[in-house]
Amino acid sequence: MLSAIFFPIISLSLINHQEARFLIPITVPLVLLHAPKLQVGLSANYPFKSPSRLKDFLYHNLLCPAVSPKYLLKMWYTANVILTLFYGFLHQGGVYQLAEYFSRQVDVRSSNVHIHLVTSHIYSVPQCFVGLPSTETLLVNPDNGQKYRRTKQFFLYEYGSLDLEQLYRRLKLLVDVCEMRSISANQRYRLYLAIPSSLSEHLNDIFQNRTAALIKHSQVRVFYPHLSIEAMPKVFGQHPCGINTDVDELDDTCPIYALEDEQNPFSVGRLLKQFSSVAHQFGLILYRIEVRRIK
């Protein structure tokens, strides 16, 4: 039974990409081996060969059947509540909201507009929630009996944990391709980027340093709560109000850090702003990527 626990853990540990769901195979043997301890305790008998004060203290206060079931059950309930909130709502929580958002966009957009969604540092977007019509189903026009298939109008590009510099280059390439089709075939498009908001400061720096590339990003909305382990929030990250995505209006930035706060990093105002900065990083931010027209 123990081998049924350790063998899957060792085997799955050889994979570079680690996820909590990889531990599912050990659930059954763990329950069979240790679930009874929630009622009978950790040790029904004295587990030590020779007694001592420390061993007696451990047994009578932690291990004996009269004591251990009480705190074990509390720990079990607490762990389940915490993990349910974490994995059920916080961890990658913005992905479903993102899919729901684009399900509405697909419905309200014009029929000749292609939607391109680029994602990075998040889980795969479940396209079943987007509600895309099948492009494989053969349809029949009731008026003339002509058979046809729907053309693909929603395109998803998932880049895992790609470096943001490389992500920017791929965005630039995608914009160039879409603009070329827009000119040659009059194909309208909308290009979006979804990344954890903890990466917004780094991404903004890259866009600000590449002004010659003539593409810009503008925030559409933020989905809360969301946490990507691959992009953890920064304790001393810049507040979202201090990030300006418009390179043509660099002065249009909220002065979130007042001068007195900078001089005193432990002031109440500065600490509250830092807390707000961390809280705002628990989100999934959606940007619209467009060509920056020269004014």
Protein backbone atom coordinates (compact mmCIF):
# COMPACT_ATOMS: atom_id res chain seq x y z
CA MET A 1 0.00 0.00 0.00
CA LEU A 2 2.86 2.38 0.78
CA SER A 3 4.40 1.64 -2.61
CA ALA A 4 1.11 2.76 -4.19
CA ILE A 5 1.78 6.17 -2.62
CA PHE A 6 5.49 6.65 -3.21
CA PHE A 7 5.74 5.15 -6.70
CA PRO A 8 3.27 7.64 -8.30
CA ILE A 9 4.91 10.56 -6.47
CA ILE A 10 8.40 9.58 -7.65
CA SER A 11 7.19 8.93 -11.20
CA LEU A 12 5.28 12.19 -11.51
CA SER A 13 8.16 14.13 -9.93
CA LEU A 14 10.25 13.31 -13.00
CA ILE A 15 7.96 15.53 -15.08
CA ASN A 16 9.14 19.13 -15.35
CA HIS A 17 5.63 20.61 -15.23
CA GLN A 18 4.19 20.08 -11.74
CA GLU A 19 0.55 20.48 -10.77
CA ALA A 20 -1.44 19.60 -7.67
CA ARG A 21 -3.77 17.36 -9.68
CA PHE A 22 -0.83 15.01 -10.27
CA LEU A 23 -1.31 13.87 -6.65
CA ILE A 24 -4.80 12.51 -7.36
CA PRO A 25 -3.54 8.90 -7.87
CA ILE A 26 -2.39 8.71 -4.24
CA THR A 27 -5.76 9.79 -2.80
CA VAL A 28 -7.24 6.28 -2.49
CA PRO A 29 -4.25 4.63 -0.73
CA LEU A 30 -3.89 7.65 1.57
CA VAL A 31 -7.54 7.42 2.61
CA LEU A 32 -7.35 3.66 3.18
CA LEU A 33 -4.19 3.96 5.26
CA HIS A 34 -4.82 7.07 7.34
CA ALA A 35 -8.55 7.93 7.39
CA PRO A 36 -9.21 5.72 10.48
CA LYS A 37 -6.76 7.88 12.45
CA LEU A 38 -9.33 10.69 12.44
CA GLN A 39 -11.37 8.57 14.89
CA VAL A 40 -8.87 6.30 16.67
CA GLY A 41 -5.94 8.72 16.85
CA LEU A 42 -2.36 8.53 15.69
CA SER A 43 -1.25 5.75 17.99
CA ALA A 44 -3.45 3.36 19.96
CA ASN A 45 -0.46 2.03 21.93
CA TYR A 46 2.67 3.56 23.40
CA PRO A 47 4.94 3.77 20.29
CA PHE A 48 8.31 4.22 22.00
CA LYS A 49 10.57 1.39 23.14
CA SER A 50 11.87 3.13 26.26
CA PRO A 51 9.90 5.74 28.21
CA SER A 52 11.13 9.23 29.05
CA ARG A 53 9.59 12.54 30.08
CA LEU A 54 9.63 13.93 26.56
CA LYS A 55 8.22 10.75 25.04
CA ASP A 56 5.52 10.53 27.69
CA PHE A 57 4.61 14.17 27.05
CA LEU A 58 4.36 13.59 23.29
CA TYR A 59 2.24 10.48 23.71
CA HIS A 60 -0.21 11.86 26.28
CA ASN A 61 -0.58 15.29 24.62
CA LEU A 62 -0.32 14.49 20.91
CA LEU A 63 -0.45 10.79 20.05
CA CYS A 64 -2.81 9.00 22.42
CA PRO A 65 -6.38 8.07 21.30
CA ALA A 66 -7.92 10.42 23.87
CA VAL A 67 -6.23 13.54 22.44
CA SER A 68 -5.10 13.17 18.82
CA PRO A 69 -8.51 12.57 17.13
CA LYS A 70 -9.74 15.99 18.28
CA TYR A 71 -7.01 18.11 16.70
CA LEU A 72 -6.60 15.77 13.71
CA LEU A 73 -10.24 16.26 12.78
CA LYS A 74 -9.92 20.04 13.20
CA MET A 75 -6.79 20.05 11.03
CA TRP A 76 -8.58 17.95 8.42
CA TYR A 77 -11.56 20.33 8.26
CA THR A 78 -9.30 23.40 8.21
CA ALA A 79 -7.08 22.02 5.45
CA ASN A 80 -10.09 21.09 3.31
CA VAL A 81 -11.69 24.52 3.71
CA ILE A 82 -8.43 26.33 2.87
CA LEU A 83 -7.64 24.13 -0.12
CA THR A 84 -11.22 24.38 -1.39
CA LEU A 85 -11.03 28.18 -1.34
CA PHE A 86 -7.55 28.17 -2.88
CA TYR A 87 -8.03 25.65 -5.70
CA GLY A 88 -11.74 26.24 -6.17
CA PHE A 89 -11.80 30.04 -6.35
CA LEU A 90 -8.35 31.69 -6.18
CA HIS A 91 -5.96 29.48 -8.16
CA GLN A 92 -6.50 30.26 -11.88
CA GLY A 93 -9.89 31.67 -10.89
CA GLY A 94 -9.94 34.25 -13.67
CA VAL A 95 -9.75 31.69 -16.48
CA TYR A 96 -13.45 30.80 -16.32
CA GLN A 97 -14.41 34.49 -16.16
CA LEU A 98 -12.20 35.12 -19.19
CA ALA A 99 -13.96 32.36 -21.13
CA GLU A 100 -17.35 33.74 -20.11
CA TYR A 101 -16.32 37.22 -21.25
CA PHE A 102 -15.34 36.00 -24.71
CA SER A 103 -18.49 33.94 -25.03
CA ARG A 104 -20.35 37.25 -24.92
CA GLN A 105 -17.87 38.91 -27.28
CA VAL A 106 -18.36 36.15 -29.85
CA ASP A 107 -22.13 36.71 -29.72
CA VAL A 108 -22.10 40.50 -30.07
CA ARG A 109 -19.23 40.98 -32.53
CA SER A 110 -19.78 41.60 -36.22
CA SER A 111 -19.75 38.51 -38.41
CA ASN A 112 -16.69 39.68 -40.35
CA VAL A 113 -14.50 40.31 -37.29
CA HIS A 114 -11.93 37.74 -36.22
CA ILE A 115 -11.06 37.57 -32.52
CA HIS A 116 -7.50 36.60 -31.56
CA LEU A 117 -6.75 35.82 -27.90
CA VAL A 118 -3.18 35.37 -26.67
CA THR A 119 -2.64 33.96 -23.16
CA SER A 120 0.49 33.54 -21.07
CA HIS A 121 1.22 32.25 -17.56
CA ILE A 122 -2.30 30.82 -17.14
CA TYR A 123 -4.05 27.49 -17.64
CA SER A 124 -5.58 26.54 -20.96
CA VAL A 125 -8.83 28.40 -21.62
CA PRO A 126 -11.72 25.88 -21.82
CA GLN A 127 -13.15 26.66 -25.24
CA CYS A 128 -16.32 24.73 -24.42
CA PHE A 129 -17.28 27.64 -22.13
CA VAL A 130 -16.73 30.13 -24.95
CA GLY A 131 -19.57 28.48 -26.85
CA LEU A 132 -17.92 28.44 -30.25
CA PRO A 133 -19.96 26.99 -33.11
CA SER A 134 -18.38 23.94 -34.71
CA THR A 135 -16.42 24.52 -37.90
CA GLU A 136 -16.62 20.80 -38.79
CA THR A 137 -20.41 20.43 -38.90
CA LEU A 138 -21.89 20.47 -42.39
CA LEU A 139 -24.85 22.87 -42.54
CA VAL A 140 -27.55 23.35 -45.16
CA ASN A 141 -28.98 26.68 -46.25
CA PRO A 142 -32.80 26.28 -45.98
CA ASP A 143 -33.38 28.82 -48.76
CA ASN A 144 -31.32 27.28 -51.55
CA GLY A 145 -30.21 23.93 -50.12
CA GLN A 146 -26.53 24.81 -50.45
CA LYS A 147 -24.20 23.03 -48.03
CA TYR A 148 -21.56 24.95 -46.13
CA ARG A 149 -19.37 24.99 -43.02
CA ARG A 150 -18.85 27.88 -40.64
CA THR A 151 -15.47 29.57 -40.91
CA LYS A 152 -13.26 29.85 -37.85
CA GLN A 153 -13.51 33.30 -36.29
CA PHE A 154 -12.02 32.80 -32.82
CA PHE A 155 -8.30 32.04 -32.59
CA LEU A 156 -6.54 31.09 -29.35
CA TYR A 157 -2.77 31.25 -28.84
CA GLU A 158 -1.56 29.76 -25.55
CA TYR A 159 2.10 30.38 -24.76
CA GLY A 160 2.41 28.81 -21.30
CA SER A 161 5.07 30.57 -19.23
CA LEU A 162 6.81 32.20 -22.17
CA ASP A 163 9.28 34.97 -21.38
CA LEU A 164 7.59 38.36 -21.79
CA GLU A 165 10.25 39.60 -24.22
CA GLN A 166 9.51 36.66 -26.51
CA LEU A 167 5.79 37.14 -25.92
CA TYR A 168 6.08 40.73 -27.12
CA ARG A 169 7.84 39.63 -30.31
CA ARG A 170 5.07 37.12 -31.03
CA LEU A 171 2.44 39.78 -30.42
CA LYS A 172 4.23 42.06 -32.86
CA LEU A 173 4.35 39.28 -35.46
CA LEU A 174 0.66 38.51 -34.95
CA VAL A 175 -0.25 42.19 -35.33
CA ASP A 176 1.73 42.36 -38.57
CA VAL A 177 -0.08 39.31 -39.97
CA CYS A 178 -3.50 40.64 -38.97
CA GLU A 179 -2.75 44.08 -40.43
CA MET A 180 -1.60 42.49 -43.68
CA ARG A 181 -4.87 40.56 -43.94
CA SER A 182 -6.79 43.69 -43.03
CA ILE A 183 -5.23 45.54 -45.96
CA SER A 184 -5.21 42.73 -48.53
CA ALA A 185 -8.52 41.00 -47.72
CA ASN A 186 -10.34 43.70 -45.71
CA GLN A 187 -10.42 41.25 -42.78
CA ARG A 188 -11.20 43.11 -39.55
CA TYR A 189 -9.80 41.78 -36.30
CA ARG A 190 -9.46 42.28 -32.56
CA LEU A 191 -6.35 41.12 -30.75
CA TYR A 192 -6.32 40.55 -26.99
CA LEU A 193 -3.72 39.50 -24.44
CA ALA A 194 -4.59 37.88 -21.09
CA ILE A 195 -1.88 37.59 -18.42
CA PRO A 196 -1.78 37.68 -14.60
CA SER A 197 -1.90 41.26 -13.34
CA SER A 198 1.30 40.61 -11.37
CA LEU A 199 3.13 40.80 -14.73
CA SER A 200 1.52 44.06 -15.86
CA GLU A 201 4.40 46.24 -14.64
CA HIS A 202 7.04 44.18 -16.49
CA LEU A 203 4.90 44.03 -19.61
CA ASN A 204 4.34 47.77 -19.53
CA ASP A 205 8.09 48.39 -19.29
CA ILE A 206 8.62 46.28 -22.41
CA PHE A 207 5.97 48.21 -24.35
CA GLN A 208 7.38 51.55 -23.19
CA ASN A 209 10.87 50.57 -24.37
CA ARG A 210 9.60 49.43 -27.78
CA THR A 211 7.77 52.57 -28.89
CA ALA A 212 9.30 52.27 -32.37
CA ALA A 213 7.38 49.02 -32.90
CA LEU A 214 4.12 51.01 -33.20
CA ILE A 215 1.91 48.67 -31.19
CA LYS A 216 0.18 49.54 -27.96
CA HIS A 217 -1.77 47.77 -25.23
CA SER A 218 -4.78 49.16 -23.42
CA GLN A 219 -6.49 47.58 -20.44
CA VAL A 220 -9.96 46.19 -21.12
CA ARG A 221 -10.80 44.73 -17.71
CA VAL A 222 -9.43 42.68 -14.81
CA PHE A 223 -10.92 39.42 -13.56
CA TYR A 224 -10.72 38.80 -9.79
CA PRO A 225 -9.69 36.68 -8.00
CA HIS A 226 -6.89 34.99 -9.90
CA LEU A 227 -3.53 33.57 -8.89
CA SER A 228 -0.95 31.93 -11.13
CA ILE A 229 1.82 30.16 -9.26
CA GLU A 230 4.04 30.85 -12.28
CA ALA A 231 3.62 34.60 -11.70
CA MET A 232 3.32 35.26 -7.98
CA PRO A 233 2.40 38.78 -6.80
CA LYS A 234 5.30 41.06 -5.88
CA VAL A 235 5.31 42.53 -2.39
CA PHE A 236 6.97 45.73 -3.60
CA GLY A 237 5.38 45.87 -7.03
CA GLN A 238 4.11 49.10 -8.55
CA HIS A 239 0.49 49.96 -7.90
CA PRO A 240 -1.72 49.50 -11.00
CA CYS A 241 -2.71 53.18 -10.81
CA GLY A 242 0.94 54.04 -11.38
CA ILE A 243 1.16 52.03 -14.61
CA ASN A 244 0.40 54.04 -17.73
CA THR A 245 -0.10 52.08 -20.94
CA ASP A 246 -0.36 55.15 -23.16
CA VAL A 247 3.12 56.09 -24.38
CA ASP A 248 1.74 59.27 -25.97
CA GLU A 249 0.53 60.61 -22.61
CA LEU A 250 3.22 59.73 -20.11
CA ASP A 251 1.98 62.37 -17.67
CA ASP A 252 -1.46 60.76 -17.49
CA THR A 253 -0.51 58.59 -14.52
CA CYS A 254 -2.09 58.47 -11.08
CA PRO A 255 0.42 59.79 -8.46
CA ILE A 256 -0.22 56.86 -6.15
CA TYR A 257 3.00 57.39 -4.20
CA ALA A 258 3.01 60.81 -2.62
CA LEU A 259 6.34 62.47 -1.74
CA GLU A 260 5.86 62.09 2.01
CA ASP A 261 5.18 58.37 1.56
CA GLU A 262 8.42 57.90 -0.36
CA GLN A 263 10.37 59.59 2.42
CA ASN A 264 8.72 57.42 5.06
CA PRO A 265 8.23 53.86 3.73
CA PHE A 266 6.60 52.80 7.02
CA SER A 267 3.88 55.43 7.08
CA VAL A 268 0.29 54.24 7.29
CA GLY A 269 -0.51 55.64 3.85
CA ARG A 270 2.45 53.91 2.21
CA LEU A 271 1.69 50.58 3.89
CA LEU A 272 -1.96 50.76 2.80
CA LYS A 273 -0.89 51.51 -0.76
CA GLN A 274 1.52 48.58 -0.75
CA PHE A 275 -1.25 46.32 0.52
CA SER A 276 -3.54 47.62 -2.22
CA SER A 277 -0.78 46.99 -4.77
CA VAL A 278 -0.43 43.34 -3.70
CA ALA A 279 -4.22 42.83 -3.62
CA HIS A 280 -4.59 44.20 -7.15
CA GLN A 281 -2.04 41.65 -8.39
CA PHE A 282 -4.45 38.80 -7.59
CA GLY A 283 -6.19 39.26 -10.91
CA LEU A 284 -6.17 38.26 -14.56
CA ILE A 285 -5.78 41.31 -16.75
CA LEU A 286 -7.05 41.55 -20.31
CA TYR A 287 -5.39 43.93 -22.77
CA ARG A 288 -6.42 45.04 -26.24
CA ILE A 289 -3.42 45.02 -28.59
CA GLU A 290 -3.60 47.55 -31.40
CA VAL A 291 -1.46 49.40 -33.89
CA ARG A 292 -0.35 52.73 -32.45
CA ARG A 293 -1.38 55.31 -34.98
CA ILE A 294 0.92 58.30 -35.31
CA LYS A 295 -0.96 61.48 -34.45
